Protein backbone atom coordinates (compact mmCIF):
# COMPACT_ATOMS: atom_id res chain seq x y z
CA MET A 1 -35.22 -54.10 -17.86
CA SER A 2 -31.75 -53.02 -18.87
CA HIS A 3 -33.17 -49.93 -20.56
CA LEU A 4 -33.74 -48.51 -17.06
CA ASP A 5 -30.02 -48.73 -16.29
CA ASP A 6 -29.18 -45.83 -18.61
CA PHE A 7 -28.49 -43.01 -16.08
CA PRO A 8 -27.40 -39.38 -16.49
CA LYS A 9 -23.65 -38.94 -16.60
CA ARG A 10 -21.93 -36.64 -14.19
CA HIS A 11 -20.42 -33.71 -16.06
CA SER A 12 -16.66 -33.43 -15.65
CA SER A 13 -17.06 -29.81 -14.52
CA HIS A 14 -18.82 -31.03 -11.37
CA GLU A 15 -15.73 -32.91 -10.29
CA ILE A 16 -13.51 -29.89 -11.05
CA ASP A 17 -15.84 -27.62 -9.07
CA ALA A 18 -15.85 -30.01 -6.13
CA GLN A 19 -12.05 -30.31 -6.04
CA SER A 20 -11.65 -26.54 -6.34
CA ALA A 21 -14.11 -25.84 -3.53
CA HIS A 22 -12.39 -28.40 -1.29
CA ALA A 23 -8.96 -26.84 -1.92
CA PHE A 24 -10.31 -23.32 -1.30
CA ARG A 25 -12.05 -24.26 1.95
CA ALA A 26 -8.89 -26.01 3.15
CA ALA A 27 -6.77 -22.91 2.43
CA ILE A 28 -9.16 -20.65 4.34
CA CYS A 29 -9.33 -23.02 7.31
CA GLU A 30 -5.55 -23.56 7.41
CA TYR A 31 -4.54 -19.95 7.97
CA ASN A 32 -7.52 -18.47 9.90
CA GLU A 33 -7.11 -15.03 8.31
CA PHE A 34 -10.68 -15.29 6.97
CA THR A 35 -13.75 -17.36 7.60
CA ILE A 36 -16.29 -18.43 4.99
CA GLN A 37 -19.58 -16.64 5.60
CA PHE A 38 -21.52 -17.55 2.49
CA ASP A 39 -21.32 -20.15 -0.24
CA LYS A 40 -23.43 -18.15 -2.68
CA ASN A 41 -22.88 -19.43 -6.21
CA ASP A 42 -25.12 -16.69 -7.59
CA TYR A 43 -24.46 -13.98 -10.18
CA GLY A 44 -20.71 -14.32 -10.00
CA THR A 45 -19.75 -14.68 -6.35
CA ASP A 46 -19.08 -18.25 -5.27
CA PHE A 47 -17.94 -17.41 -1.75
CA ILE A 48 -18.01 -14.44 0.62
CA ILE A 49 -15.22 -14.55 3.18
CA GLU A 50 -14.98 -12.35 6.27
CA ALA A 51 -11.71 -11.05 7.69
CA VAL A 52 -10.78 -12.25 11.17
CA ASP A 53 -8.52 -9.81 13.04
CA ALA A 54 -6.91 -11.00 16.29
CA GLY A 55 -9.74 -13.46 16.75
CA GLU A 56 -12.41 -10.80 16.23
CA MET A 57 -14.96 -10.76 13.43
CA THR A 58 -14.69 -7.51 11.48
CA ASN A 59 -17.71 -7.59 9.15
CA VAL A 60 -15.22 -6.79 6.39
CA ARG A 61 -16.03 -9.15 3.54
CA VAL A 62 -14.42 -10.19 0.29
CA HIS A 63 -16.23 -11.60 -2.75
CA VAL A 64 -14.57 -14.64 -4.33
CA GLN A 65 -15.17 -16.20 -7.74
CA LEU A 66 -13.71 -19.71 -7.77
CA LYS A 67 -12.45 -21.42 -10.90
CA GLY A 68 -10.85 -24.77 -11.57
CA THR A 69 -8.97 -26.08 -14.57
CA ARG A 70 -7.09 -29.09 -15.86
CA SER A 71 -5.42 -27.12 -18.65
CA GLU A 72 -1.64 -27.09 -18.88
CA ALA A 73 0.25 -24.23 -17.27
CA ARG A 74 2.31 -21.89 -19.43
CA ALA A 75 6.09 -21.96 -19.48
CA ASP A 76 6.24 -19.37 -16.67
CA GLY A 77 3.88 -21.41 -14.51
CA SER A 78 0.91 -19.11 -15.02
CA VAL A 79 -2.60 -20.38 -15.72
CA ALA A 80 -5.29 -18.68 -17.83
CA VAL A 81 -9.07 -18.96 -17.41
CA THR A 82 -11.82 -17.27 -19.41
CA VAL A 83 -14.64 -15.50 -17.56
CA ALA A 84 -17.63 -13.42 -18.62
CA LYS A 85 -16.95 -9.68 -18.68
CA THR A 86 -20.21 -9.14 -16.80
CA ASN A 87 -18.68 -11.19 -14.00
CA VAL A 88 -15.67 -8.85 -13.88
CA ASN A 89 -18.07 -5.89 -13.69
CA TYR A 90 -20.03 -7.56 -10.89
CA LEU A 91 -16.96 -8.29 -8.80
CA ALA A 92 -15.40 -4.87 -9.40
CA THR A 93 -18.07 -3.14 -7.31
CA PRO A 94 -17.05 -4.32 -3.80
CA ARG A 95 -13.50 -3.59 -2.64
CA GLY A 96 -10.94 -6.39 -2.60
CA SER A 97 -12.75 -8.94 -4.78
CA ILE A 98 -10.59 -11.80 -6.05
CA TYR A 99 -10.55 -14.65 -8.53
CA VAL A 100 -9.19 -17.91 -7.16
CA CYS A 101 -8.21 -20.78 -9.46
CA TYR A 102 -7.40 -24.37 -8.51
CA HIS A 103 -4.93 -25.83 -11.01
CA ILE A 104 -5.62 -29.53 -10.73
CA PRO A 105 -2.48 -30.89 -12.52
CA THR A 106 -0.16 -29.13 -10.05
CA GLU A 107 -2.61 -28.93 -7.10
CA ARG A 108 -1.92 -25.21 -6.79
CA LEU A 109 -4.44 -22.67 -5.56
CA LEU A 110 -3.79 -19.41 -7.44
CA VAL A 111 -5.26 -15.94 -7.03
CA ARG A 112 -5.75 -12.71 -9.00
CA ARG A 113 -7.21 -9.42 -7.76
CA VAL A 114 -10.14 -8.20 -9.82
CA ASP A 115 -8.69 -4.67 -9.76
CA ASP A 116 -5.55 -6.02 -11.42
CA VAL A 117 -7.59 -7.67 -14.16
CA VAL A 118 -9.37 -4.39 -14.90
CA ARG A 119 -6.10 -2.43 -14.88
CA GLU A 120 -4.45 -4.90 -17.27
CA TYR A 121 -7.23 -4.55 -19.82
CA GLU A 122 -7.62 -0.79 -19.43
CA HIS A 123 -3.94 -0.38 -20.25
CA ARG A 124 -4.59 -2.10 -23.57
CA GLY A 125 -7.18 0.46 -24.64
CA ASN A 126 -10.98 0.61 -24.87
CA ASP A 127 -11.61 -2.34 -27.19
CA TRP A 128 -12.21 -4.70 -24.28
CA HIS A 129 -15.29 -2.68 -23.25
CA ALA A 130 -17.27 -4.43 -25.99
CA GLN A 131 -15.92 -7.93 -25.23
CA LYS A 132 -18.18 -10.67 -23.90
CA THR A 133 -15.37 -12.57 -22.20
CA VAL A 134 -12.08 -11.74 -20.48
CA THR A 135 -9.02 -13.90 -19.87
CA VAL A 136 -7.83 -13.91 -16.26
CA ARG A 137 -4.18 -14.89 -15.88
CA PHE A 138 -3.13 -16.45 -12.58
CA LYS A 139 0.38 -16.72 -11.18
CA GLU A 140 0.30 -15.66 -7.52
CA THR A 141 -0.35 -18.34 -4.89
CA PHE A 142 -3.30 -18.06 -2.52
CA ASP A 143 -1.06 -18.74 0.46
CA LEU A 144 -0.65 -17.32 3.97
CA SER A 145 1.32 -14.31 2.75
CA PHE A 146 -1.35 -13.32 0.25
CA GLN A 147 -4.21 -13.86 2.70
CA GLN A 148 -2.48 -11.76 5.36
CA SER A 149 -1.85 -8.98 2.86
CA LEU A 150 -5.42 -9.11 1.57
CA LYS A 151 -6.85 -9.04 5.10
CA LYS A 152 -4.73 -6.09 6.15
CA TYR A 153 -5.66 -4.20 3.00
CA VAL A 154 -9.43 -4.71 3.17
CA VAL A 155 -9.66 -4.14 6.94
CA THR A 156 -7.60 -0.95 6.81
CA SER A 157 -9.54 0.35 3.81
CA ALA A 158 -12.89 -0.44 5.41
CA LYS A 159 -11.96 1.27 8.68
CA GLY A 160 -10.78 4.33 6.76
CA GLU A 161 -14.06 4.53 4.86
CA ARG A 162 -16.02 4.03 8.09
CA ASP A 163 -14.15 6.78 9.91
CA ARG A 164 -14.55 9.19 7.00
CA ARG A 165 -18.26 8.50 6.78
CA LEU A 166 -18.88 8.87 10.50
CA ASN A 167 -16.68 11.95 10.79
CA LEU A 168 -18.75 13.62 8.10
CA ALA A 169 -21.93 12.49 9.83
CA VAL A 170 -21.04 14.10 13.17
CA GLN A 171 -19.49 17.33 11.83
CA PRO A 172 -21.70 20.44 11.65
CA PRO A 173 -22.31 21.35 7.99
CA GLU A 174 -20.54 24.69 8.33
CA THR A 175 -17.25 22.94 9.10
CA LEU A 176 -17.20 20.93 5.87
CA SER A 177 -15.76 23.83 3.87
CA ILE A 178 -12.35 23.03 5.41
CA LEU A 179 -12.21 19.87 3.31
CA LYS A 180 -11.94 21.91 0.13
CA GLU A 181 -9.43 24.30 1.67
CA GLU A 182 -7.15 21.51 2.83
CA GLY A 183 -7.18 19.87 -0.58
CA ILE A 184 -6.46 16.47 1.00
CA ILE A 185 -7.48 13.31 -0.85
CA ASP A 186 -8.63 10.24 1.05
CA LEU A 187 -6.78 8.01 -1.35
CA PRO A 188 -7.95 4.52 -2.42
CA VAL A 189 -4.45 3.02 -2.36
CA PRO A 190 -4.01 0.14 -4.86
CA ALA A 191 -3.69 -3.33 -3.34
CA ASP A 192 -0.86 -4.22 -5.70
CA PRO A 193 2.48 -3.15 -4.09
CA GLU A 194 4.05 -2.11 -7.38
CA GLN A 195 1.13 0.15 -8.21
CA ALA A 196 1.01 1.52 -4.66
CA ILE A 197 4.70 2.48 -4.91
CA ARG A 198 4.08 4.33 -8.18
CA VAL A 199 1.20 6.25 -6.62
CA LEU A 200 3.25 7.06 -3.52
CA ASP A 201 6.22 8.23 -5.55
CA GLU A 202 4.06 10.55 -7.65
CA LEU A 203 2.31 12.00 -4.60
CA TYR A 204 5.64 12.67 -2.90
CA LYS A 205 7.06 14.35 -5.99
CA CYS A 206 3.98 16.61 -6.07
CA GLY A 207 4.39 17.53 -2.41
CA ARG A 208 1.09 15.93 -1.33
CA ASP A 209 2.34 15.21 2.18
CA GLN A 210 -1.08 15.62 3.78
CA THR A 211 -2.65 13.15 1.38
CA ILE A 212 0.12 10.63 2.07
CA SER A 213 -0.30 11.12 5.82
CA ARG A 214 -4.05 10.59 5.64
CA SER A 215 -3.43 7.40 3.68
CA PHE A 216 -0.65 6.21 6.02
CA ASP A 217 -2.49 3.10 7.23
CA LYS A 218 -3.53 2.16 3.70
CA PHE A 219 0.03 2.37 2.42
CA HIS A 220 1.17 0.38 5.45
CA ALA A 221 -1.40 -2.30 4.64
CA VAL A 222 0.13 -2.78 1.19
CA LEU A 223 3.81 -2.01 1.79
CA SER A 224 5.97 -3.32 4.62
CA SER A 225 7.25 -0.59 6.94
CA SER A 226 10.73 -2.02 6.28
CA ASP A 227 10.26 -1.57 2.53
CA GLU A 228 12.57 1.05 1.01
CA ALA A 229 9.61 2.72 -0.71
CA PHE A 230 7.83 3.18 2.62
CA LEU A 231 10.51 5.70 3.60
CA LEU A 232 8.58 8.20 1.48
CA VAL A 233 5.58 7.80 3.78
CA TYR A 234 7.73 8.57 6.81
CA MET A 235 9.42 11.46 5.02
CA ALA A 236 6.03 12.99 4.17
CA GLU A 237 5.12 12.90 7.87
CA ILE A 238 8.45 14.52 8.73
CA ASN A 239 7.76 17.24 6.15
CA LEU A 240 4.47 18.03 7.88
CA GLY A 241 6.21 18.28 11.23
CA ILE A 242 9.08 20.47 10.08
CA ASN A 243 6.61 22.81 8.35
CA GLY A 244 4.52 23.21 11.50
CA MET A 245 1.50 21.29 10.20
CA ASN A 246 -0.52 18.60 11.94
CA HIS A 247 1.60 15.47 12.24
CA ASP A 248 1.96 12.21 14.15
CA GLU A 249 5.04 12.19 16.41
CA THR A 250 5.06 8.40 16.73
CA ARG A 251 5.29 8.05 12.96
CA ILE A 252 8.14 10.55 12.86
CA ARG A 253 10.10 8.61 15.51
CA LYS A 254 9.58 5.40 13.56
CA GLY A 255 10.64 7.25 10.44
CA ILE A 256 13.88 8.35 12.07
CA ASP A 257 14.63 4.74 12.99
CA ALA A 258 13.79 3.56 9.47
CA LEU A 259 16.03 6.20 7.89
CA ARG A 260 18.92 5.29 10.20
CA ASN A 261 18.49 1.63 9.30
CA ALA A 262 18.56 2.58 5.63
CA VAL A 263 21.89 4.38 6.15
CA ARG A 264 23.34 1.42 8.04
CA SER A 265 22.20 -1.02 5.35
CA GLY A 266 24.25 0.85 2.76
CA GLN A 267 21.43 2.35 0.72
CA PRO A 268 22.55 5.03 -1.75
CA SER A 269 22.50 8.76 -0.94
CA PRO A 270 23.33 8.49 2.78
CA GLY A 271 23.68 12.27 2.97
CA SER A 272 20.09 12.80 1.85
CA LEU A 273 18.87 10.16 4.30
CA LEU A 274 20.76 11.77 7.18
CA PHE A 275 19.35 15.15 6.16
CA CYS A 276 15.87 13.64 6.54
CA VAL A 277 16.88 12.25 9.94
CA GLY A 278 17.85 15.79 10.95
CA ASN A 279 14.48 17.04 9.73
CA GLY A 280 12.78 14.39 11.83
CA TRP A 281 14.56 15.52 15.00
CA PHE A 282 13.84 19.14 14.08
CA ALA A 283 10.12 18.34 13.73
CA LEU A 284 10.23 16.82 17.23
CA LYS A 285 12.00 19.97 18.51
CA ARG A 286 15.08 17.93 19.43
CA TYR A 287 17.39 20.57 18.01
CA LYS A 288 20.72 19.23 19.33
CA LYS A 289 20.03 15.84 17.78
CA ALA A 290 18.97 17.61 14.57
CA ILE A 291 22.30 19.49 14.48
CA ASP A 292 24.25 16.25 14.87
CA ALA A 293 22.31 14.64 12.02
CA TYR A 294 22.68 17.67 9.75
CA ASN A 295 26.43 17.78 10.35
CA SER A 296 26.69 14.08 9.52
CA ALA A 297 24.69 14.71 6.36
CA LEU A 298 27.04 17.46 5.23
CA CYS A 299 29.96 15.02 5.39
CA SER A 300 28.30 12.97 2.65
CA LEU A 301 26.45 15.56 0.58
CA ASP A 302 27.77 17.13 -2.59
CA THR A 303 28.34 20.72 -1.48
CA SER A 304 27.03 22.12 -4.76
CA THR A 305 23.56 20.61 -4.39
CA ASP A 306 20.35 22.25 -3.23
CA THR A 307 20.10 19.63 -0.50
CA ALA A 308 23.40 20.78 1.00
CA ALA A 309 22.22 24.38 0.93
CA GLN A 310 18.91 23.41 2.55
CA CYS A 311 20.80 21.41 5.17
CA CYS A 312 22.87 24.51 6.06
CA LYS A 313 19.71 26.60 6.25
CA ASN A 314 18.06 24.11 8.60
CA LEU A 315 21.24 23.99 10.68
CA GLY A 316 21.05 27.73 11.00
CA THR A 317 17.43 27.53 12.11
CA ALA A 318 18.26 24.81 14.67
CA PHE A 319 21.01 26.99 16.17
CA GLU A 320 18.59 29.91 16.21
CA LYS A 321 16.11 27.78 18.17
CA LEU A 322 18.94 27.12 20.66
CA ASN A 323 19.61 30.87 20.99
CA ASP A 324 22.97 30.77 19.24
CA PRO A 325 22.63 33.62 16.70
CA SER A 326 26.32 33.59 15.74
CA ALA A 327 26.25 29.95 14.66
CA ALA A 328 22.88 30.48 13.00
CA ARG A 329 24.21 33.37 10.92
CA SER A 330 27.26 31.32 9.89
CA PHE A 331 25.15 28.53 8.45
CA TYR A 332 22.63 30.89 6.88
CA GLU A 333 25.54 32.46 4.99
CA ARG A 334 26.78 29.05 3.90
CA ALA A 335 23.30 28.16 2.72
CA LEU A 336 23.70 30.97 0.20
CA ASP A 337 27.09 29.58 -0.83
CA PRO A 338 26.71 25.78 -0.95
CA HIS A 339 30.34 25.31 -2.10
CA ASN A 340 31.37 26.11 1.47
CA SER A 341 28.63 24.10 3.15
CA ARG A 342 30.94 21.33 4.39
CA LEU A 343 31.99 23.50 7.34
CA LYS A 344 30.93 21.74 10.53
CA PHE A 345 29.92 23.57 13.68
CA ALA A 346 30.15 21.55 16.89
């Protein structure tokens, strides 16, 4: 009865799926930044992983679509996989969703944020809106560094959304008008560091210090506090303090340390950095330390610049706070004549 020995063949995709799932589970178990809560395999989510923070379950979850491929990598090492556009739409709803791809020939587990896929196509124009499929390009490795960054981002974002929701829930309705008056945005900071830096830079240029301050933890989740770009976050907090607005003194102290480190590391524009250090001490009402920093800044600043003039003005105000009207007047006058602003006053 040999005719009964003709059995169904196992589709090659089953083996790819099994290898991909094994590699993904191993990566999650190895680093303990997440735990697998659901193996769904439904409308587009293969796994739901939950962030684990200091051994505690957070109920912050990330949707994962898992792919596997035997196709050859490109010259730059990247791998491309085609997915349904409806799948992109489905995963774009929850925050932090990711595509993960297991490249079998090189045994690499690669990752791509869904937000990055959408941004890539949106930058090309609107034609993709009518597409049935989308190509997802993978290059970044789903390693410890990425998982730590992803966890920090989704946990910080979720806590921010929770706090905003509950704060609105407990506030009397008549107090909500202040939100419009303040004009502060609770910003959804991009998870991609390059994009986050562009957003931060634009906000700082526009003087949106309160918005940056409110989004401090979100920027910190994406950018390292030692990152040069993160200085703008500290400087925004210092601006709030020096202008008498609500501020966080701990952030300002950390900002002073970060600015000093930037000067010591040889970053350009040391005079501007030292000027910001002086502003930090001024915001903390440490006026003698502010004077020392301002004087150091004037040694490096171009005397014809607005920054030098502003430095002299702030020096004058610091001396005024210390009840030294003569010194204050001297620097106020020099603020009006920046060509003479190199004069130091000990």
